[in-house]
Amino acid sequence: MTHSHPYPYPDLQGAATRNTTAADLLTAFAKSAPALNAMWQHVFAALDDTPALITEIDRLRTALAATRYQRANLIAAIRATLSAHRDGERDPLYYIRDELNVQTHTRGRGR
């Protein structure tokens, strides 16, 4: 079963390309209207923020994906534990302990 994200991720490469294009166009405009240098500096400063924002969005996407993966594995372990308990297994909590152990030992290595 596949799940699609309810809010599609924006195209970061496209945003970076548009940012570069805008900076190039504004450079040409700035040369033709040097009297507006103070204004151009504000616009260029705003455009300069874009690469750092793109990097942060990418980092957050990666962290969110890892968190979702861990959550899915914990839910699977919980379901296995409930089934094991229902089936009368001797140690139904094994599944949760095992998953918690895996997540604890792989957290530092970036699972």
N, C-alpha and C. Protein backbone atom coordinates (compact mmCIF):
# COMPACT_ATOMS: atom_id res chain seq x y z
N MET A 1 0.85 -1.16 0.00
CA MET A 1 0.00 0.00 0.00
C MET A 1 0.90 1.24 0.00
N THR A 2 0.70 2.10 -0.97
CA THR A 2 1.50 3.31 -1.02
C THR A 2 0.66 4.49 -0.54
N HIS A 3 1.34 5.42 0.08
CA HIS A 3 0.68 6.62 0.57
C HIS A 3 1.34 7.82 -0.10
N SER A 4 0.52 8.71 -0.62
CA SER A 4 1.09 9.93 -1.18
C SER A 4 1.02 11.03 -0.12
N HIS A 5 1.95 11.91 -0.18
CA HIS A 5 2.00 13.00 0.76
C HIS A 5 0.83 13.94 0.48
N PRO A 6 0.10 14.37 1.50
CA PRO A 6 -1.08 15.21 1.26
C PRO A 6 -0.72 16.59 0.69
N TYR A 7 0.49 17.04 0.97
CA TYR A 7 0.95 18.33 0.45
C TYR A 7 2.24 18.08 -0.30
N PRO A 8 2.20 18.14 -1.62
CA PRO A 8 3.42 17.85 -2.39
C PRO A 8 4.55 18.80 -2.01
N TYR A 9 5.73 18.25 -1.97
CA TYR A 9 6.90 19.07 -1.65
C TYR A 9 7.20 20.02 -2.80
N PRO A 10 7.55 21.27 -2.47
CA PRO A 10 7.93 22.18 -3.55
C PRO A 10 9.24 21.72 -4.20
N ASP A 11 9.40 22.10 -5.44
CA ASP A 11 10.59 21.73 -6.22
C ASP A 11 11.74 22.64 -5.82
N LEU A 12 12.64 22.14 -4.98
CA LEU A 12 13.73 22.96 -4.49
C LEU A 12 14.75 23.29 -5.57
N GLN A 13 15.01 22.36 -6.47
CA GLN A 13 15.94 22.65 -7.56
C GLN A 13 15.37 23.74 -8.46
N GLY A 14 14.07 23.66 -8.72
CA GLY A 14 13.42 24.70 -9.51
C GLY A 14 13.48 26.05 -8.82
N ALA A 15 13.30 26.06 -7.50
CA ALA A 15 13.39 27.31 -6.74
C ALA A 15 14.80 27.89 -6.81
N ALA A 16 15.79 27.03 -6.71
CA ALA A 16 17.18 27.49 -6.80
C ALA A 16 17.47 28.07 -8.19
N THR A 17 16.96 27.41 -9.22
CA THR A 17 17.16 27.89 -10.59
C THR A 17 16.47 29.23 -10.80
N ARG A 18 15.24 29.35 -10.32
CA ARG A 18 14.51 30.62 -10.45
C ARG A 18 15.20 31.73 -9.67
N ASN A 19 15.76 31.39 -8.52
CA ASN A 19 16.48 32.37 -7.72
C ASN A 19 17.71 32.89 -8.48
N THR A 20 18.44 31.98 -9.10
CA THR A 20 19.61 32.38 -9.88
C THR A 20 19.21 33.25 -11.06
N THR A 21 18.15 32.86 -11.74
CA THR A 21 17.66 33.65 -12.87
C THR A 21 17.23 35.04 -12.41
N ALA A 22 16.52 35.12 -11.30
CA ALA A 22 16.08 36.42 -10.78
C ALA A 22 17.28 37.28 -10.42
N ALA A 23 18.30 36.68 -9.80
CA ALA A 23 19.49 37.45 -9.43
C ALA A 23 20.19 37.99 -10.68
N ASP A 24 20.28 37.16 -11.72
CA ASP A 24 20.90 37.60 -12.98
C ASP A 24 20.12 38.75 -13.61
N LEU A 25 18.80 38.64 -13.65
CA LEU A 25 17.97 39.71 -14.22
C LEU A 25 18.10 41.00 -13.40
N LEU A 26 18.08 40.84 -12.09
CA LEU A 26 18.17 42.03 -11.24
C LEU A 26 19.54 42.69 -11.34
N THR A 27 20.58 41.92 -11.57
CA THR A 27 21.91 42.49 -11.76
C THR A 27 21.90 43.41 -12.97
N ALA A 28 21.26 42.96 -14.05
CA ALA A 28 21.15 43.79 -15.25
C ALA A 28 20.33 45.05 -14.97
N PHE A 29 19.22 44.90 -14.26
CA PHE A 29 18.40 46.08 -13.92
C PHE A 29 19.18 47.04 -13.02
N ALA A 30 19.91 46.49 -12.06
CA ALA A 30 20.66 47.34 -11.13
C ALA A 30 21.70 48.17 -11.85
N LYS A 31 22.32 47.59 -12.87
CA LYS A 31 23.32 48.33 -13.65
C LYS A 31 22.68 49.48 -14.41
N SER A 32 21.43 49.30 -14.82
CA SER A 32 20.76 50.34 -15.60
C SER A 32 20.10 51.40 -14.71
N ALA A 33 19.99 51.13 -13.42
CA ALA A 33 19.37 52.10 -12.50
C ALA A 33 20.19 52.21 -11.22
N PRO A 34 21.43 52.71 -11.33
CA PRO A 34 22.29 52.78 -10.15
C PRO A 34 21.76 53.71 -9.06
N ALA A 35 20.87 54.61 -9.40
CA ALA A 35 20.30 55.50 -8.38
C ALA A 35 19.50 54.73 -7.34
N LEU A 36 19.10 53.54 -7.68
CA LEU A 36 18.31 52.71 -6.75
C LEU A 36 19.16 51.68 -6.00
N ASN A 37 20.46 51.95 -5.87
CA ASN A 37 21.38 50.97 -5.26
C ASN A 37 20.92 50.49 -3.88
N ALA A 38 20.44 51.38 -3.04
CA ALA A 38 19.99 50.98 -1.70
C ALA A 38 18.86 49.95 -1.79
N MET A 39 17.93 50.19 -2.71
CA MET A 39 16.83 49.24 -2.90
C MET A 39 17.35 47.90 -3.43
N TRP A 40 18.25 47.96 -4.41
CA TRP A 40 18.79 46.72 -4.99
C TRP A 40 19.49 45.88 -3.92
N GLN A 41 20.17 46.53 -2.99
CA GLN A 41 20.87 45.79 -1.94
C GLN A 41 19.89 44.97 -1.09
N HIS A 42 18.72 45.54 -0.81
CA HIS A 42 17.70 44.80 -0.04
C HIS A 42 17.19 43.60 -0.84
N VAL A 43 16.97 43.80 -2.11
CA VAL A 43 16.46 42.72 -2.96
C VAL A 43 17.50 41.61 -3.06
N PHE A 44 18.77 41.98 -3.28
CA PHE A 44 19.82 40.97 -3.39
C PHE A 44 20.03 40.23 -2.06
N ALA A 45 19.90 40.95 -0.95
CA ALA A 45 20.03 40.30 0.36
C ALA A 45 18.93 39.24 0.54
N ALA A 46 17.72 39.56 0.10
CA ALA A 46 16.62 38.59 0.19
C ALA A 46 16.90 37.38 -0.68
N LEU A 47 17.41 37.61 -1.88
CA LEU A 47 17.72 36.49 -2.77
C LEU A 47 18.87 35.64 -2.22
N ASP A 48 19.80 36.29 -1.53
CA ASP A 48 20.94 35.55 -0.95
C ASP A 48 20.51 34.58 0.15
N ASP A 49 19.33 34.80 0.74
CA ASP A 49 18.83 33.90 1.78
C ASP A 49 18.35 32.56 1.22
N THR A 50 18.00 32.53 -0.04
CA THR A 50 17.38 31.34 -0.63
C THR A 50 18.22 30.07 -0.52
N PRO A 51 19.52 30.07 -0.85
CA PRO A 51 20.28 28.81 -0.75
C PRO A 51 20.29 28.23 0.66
N ALA A 52 20.42 29.09 1.68
CA ALA A 52 20.41 28.57 3.06
C ALA A 52 19.05 27.99 3.41
N LEU A 53 18.00 28.62 2.95
CA LEU A 53 16.65 28.11 3.22
C LEU A 53 16.42 26.77 2.52
N ILE A 54 16.91 26.65 1.30
CA ILE A 54 16.78 25.38 0.58
C ILE A 54 17.53 24.27 1.30
N THR A 55 18.73 24.57 1.78
CA THR A 55 19.52 23.58 2.53
C THR A 55 18.78 23.15 3.79
N GLU A 56 18.19 24.12 4.51
CA GLU A 56 17.46 23.79 5.73
C GLU A 56 16.21 22.97 5.44
N ILE A 57 15.50 23.29 4.39
CA ILE A 57 14.32 22.51 4.01
C ILE A 57 14.72 21.07 3.70
N ASP A 58 15.81 20.91 2.97
CA ASP A 58 16.28 19.57 2.62
C ASP A 58 16.66 18.78 3.87
N ARG A 59 17.34 19.44 4.82
CA ARG A 59 17.72 18.78 6.08
C ARG A 59 16.48 18.36 6.86
N LEU A 60 15.49 19.25 6.92
CA LEU A 60 14.27 18.93 7.65
C LEU A 60 13.48 17.81 6.99
N ARG A 61 13.47 17.78 5.66
CA ARG A 61 12.80 16.68 4.95
C ARG A 61 13.44 15.34 5.30
N THR A 62 14.76 15.33 5.34
CA THR A 62 15.49 14.10 5.67
C THR A 62 15.18 13.66 7.10
N ALA A 63 15.18 14.61 8.02
CA ALA A 63 14.87 14.29 9.42
C ALA A 63 13.43 13.79 9.57
N LEU A 64 12.51 14.41 8.86
CA LEU A 64 11.11 13.98 8.91
C LEU A 64 10.95 12.57 8.36
N ALA A 65 11.62 12.27 7.27
CA ALA A 65 11.53 10.92 6.69
C ALA A 65 12.06 9.88 7.68
N ALA A 66 13.17 10.19 8.35
CA ALA A 66 13.73 9.26 9.34
C ALA A 66 12.77 9.06 10.51
N THR A 67 12.15 10.12 10.95
CA THR A 67 11.19 10.03 12.06
C THR A 67 9.97 9.20 11.66
N ARG A 68 9.49 9.42 10.45
CA ARG A 68 8.35 8.63 9.97
C ARG A 68 8.70 7.15 9.88
N TYR A 69 9.91 6.85 9.44
CA TYR A 69 10.37 5.46 9.33
C TYR A 69 10.42 4.82 10.72
N GLN A 70 10.99 5.54 11.70
CA GLN A 70 11.05 5.01 13.06
C GLN A 70 9.66 4.78 13.63
N ARG A 71 8.78 5.73 13.38
CA ARG A 71 7.40 5.60 13.87
C ARG A 71 6.72 4.39 13.25
N ALA A 72 6.90 4.19 11.96
CA ALA A 72 6.29 3.04 11.29
C ALA A 72 6.82 1.73 11.87
N ASN A 73 8.12 1.69 12.16
CA ASN A 73 8.69 0.48 12.74
C ASN A 73 8.17 0.23 14.16
N LEU A 74 7.98 1.30 14.92
CA LEU A 74 7.42 1.13 16.27
C LEU A 74 5.98 0.65 16.21
N ILE A 75 5.21 1.19 15.28
CA ILE A 75 3.82 0.73 15.13
C ILE A 75 3.79 -0.74 14.75
N ALA A 76 4.68 -1.15 13.85
CA ALA A 76 4.74 -2.57 13.46
C ALA A 76 5.10 -3.44 14.66
N ALA A 77 6.03 -2.97 15.48
CA ALA A 77 6.43 -3.74 16.67
C ALA A 77 5.27 -3.82 17.66
N ILE A 78 4.53 -2.74 17.82
CA ILE A 78 3.37 -2.75 18.72
C ILE A 78 2.32 -3.74 18.21
N ARG A 79 2.06 -3.73 16.92
CA ARG A 79 1.08 -4.67 16.36
C ARG A 79 1.54 -6.11 16.53
N ALA A 80 2.84 -6.35 16.33
CA ALA A 80 3.37 -7.71 16.51
C ALA A 80 3.25 -8.13 17.97
N THR A 81 3.49 -7.20 18.88
CA THR A 81 3.37 -7.50 20.31
C THR A 81 1.92 -7.85 20.67
N LEU A 82 0.98 -7.07 20.16
CA LEU A 82 -0.43 -7.36 20.44
C LEU A 82 -0.85 -8.71 19.88
N SER A 83 -0.39 -9.03 18.69
CA SER A 83 -0.70 -10.34 18.09
C SER A 83 -0.07 -11.46 18.89
N ALA A 84 1.18 -11.25 19.31
CA ALA A 84 1.87 -12.28 20.10
C ALA A 84 1.15 -12.50 21.42
N HIS A 85 0.71 -11.42 22.03
CA HIS A 85 -0.04 -11.55 23.29
C HIS A 85 -1.34 -12.32 23.07
N ARG A 86 -2.04 -11.96 21.99
CA ARG A 86 -3.31 -12.61 21.65
C ARG A 86 -3.08 -14.11 21.36
N ASP A 87 -1.93 -14.44 20.76
CA ASP A 87 -1.61 -15.84 20.43
C ASP A 87 -1.02 -16.60 21.61
N GLY A 88 -0.80 -15.89 22.73
CA GLY A 88 -0.29 -16.56 23.92
C GLY A 88 1.21 -16.83 23.90
N GLU A 89 1.96 -16.10 23.12
CA GLU A 89 3.41 -16.29 23.10
C GLU A 89 3.99 -16.00 24.48
N ARG A 90 5.09 -16.65 24.76
CA ARG A 90 5.71 -16.56 26.08
C ARG A 90 6.23 -15.16 26.38
N ASP A 91 6.80 -14.46 25.39
CA ASP A 91 7.39 -13.14 25.60
C ASP A 91 6.90 -12.17 24.51
N PRO A 92 5.65 -11.74 24.60
CA PRO A 92 5.11 -10.89 23.54
C PRO A 92 5.78 -9.51 23.45
N LEU A 93 6.36 -9.04 24.54
CA LEU A 93 7.01 -7.72 24.52
C LEU A 93 8.36 -7.73 23.79
N TYR A 94 8.80 -8.90 23.38
CA TYR A 94 10.07 -9.01 22.68
C TYR A 94 10.14 -8.06 21.48
N TYR A 95 9.06 -7.96 20.74
CA TYR A 95 9.05 -7.17 19.50
C TYR A 95 9.29 -5.68 19.78
N ILE A 96 8.67 -5.17 20.83
CA ILE A 96 8.87 -3.77 21.18
C ILE A 96 10.29 -3.56 21.71
N ARG A 97 10.74 -4.46 22.59
CA ARG A 97 12.10 -4.32 23.11
C ARG A 97 13.13 -4.36 21.99
N ASP A 98 12.92 -5.27 21.05
CA ASP A 98 13.85 -5.40 19.93
C ASP A 98 13.89 -4.12 19.09
N GLU A 99 12.74 -3.58 18.77
CA GLU A 99 12.71 -2.36 17.94
C GLU A 99 13.29 -1.17 18.69
N LEU A 100 12.97 -1.04 19.96
CA LEU A 100 13.55 0.04 20.75
C LEU A 100 15.07 -0.09 20.83
N ASN A 101 15.55 -1.31 20.96
CA ASN A 101 16.99 -1.56 20.98
C ASN A 101 17.63 -1.16 19.65
N VAL A 102 17.00 -1.53 18.55
CA VAL A 102 17.52 -1.17 17.23
C VAL A 102 17.56 0.34 17.08
N GLN A 103 16.47 1.02 17.43
CA GLN A 103 16.42 2.47 17.27
C GLN A 103 17.40 3.18 18.19
N THR A 104 17.60 2.66 19.39
CA THR A 104 18.54 3.27 20.32
C THR A 104 19.97 3.13 19.82
N HIS A 105 20.30 1.98 19.26
CA HIS A 105 21.68 1.74 18.82
C HIS A 105 21.99 2.32 17.45
N THR A 106 20.98 2.62 16.65
CA THR A 106 21.25 3.17 15.32
C THR A 106 21.01 4.67 15.26
N ARG A 107 20.47 5.25 16.30
CA ARG A 107 20.17 6.69 16.29
C ARG A 107 21.42 7.51 16.01
N GLY A 108 22.52 7.18 16.63
CA GLY A 108 23.75 7.94 16.46
C GLY A 108 24.40 7.73 15.10
N ARG A 109 24.06 6.64 14.43
CA ARG A 109 24.68 6.34 13.13
C ARG A 109 23.84 6.79 11.97
N GLY A 110 22.68 7.39 12.21
CA GLY A 110 21.82 7.86 11.12
C GLY A 110 21.23 6.74 10.31
N ARG A 111 20.41 5.97 10.91
CA ARG A 111 19.75 4.79 10.35
C ARG A 111 19.42 4.90 8.92
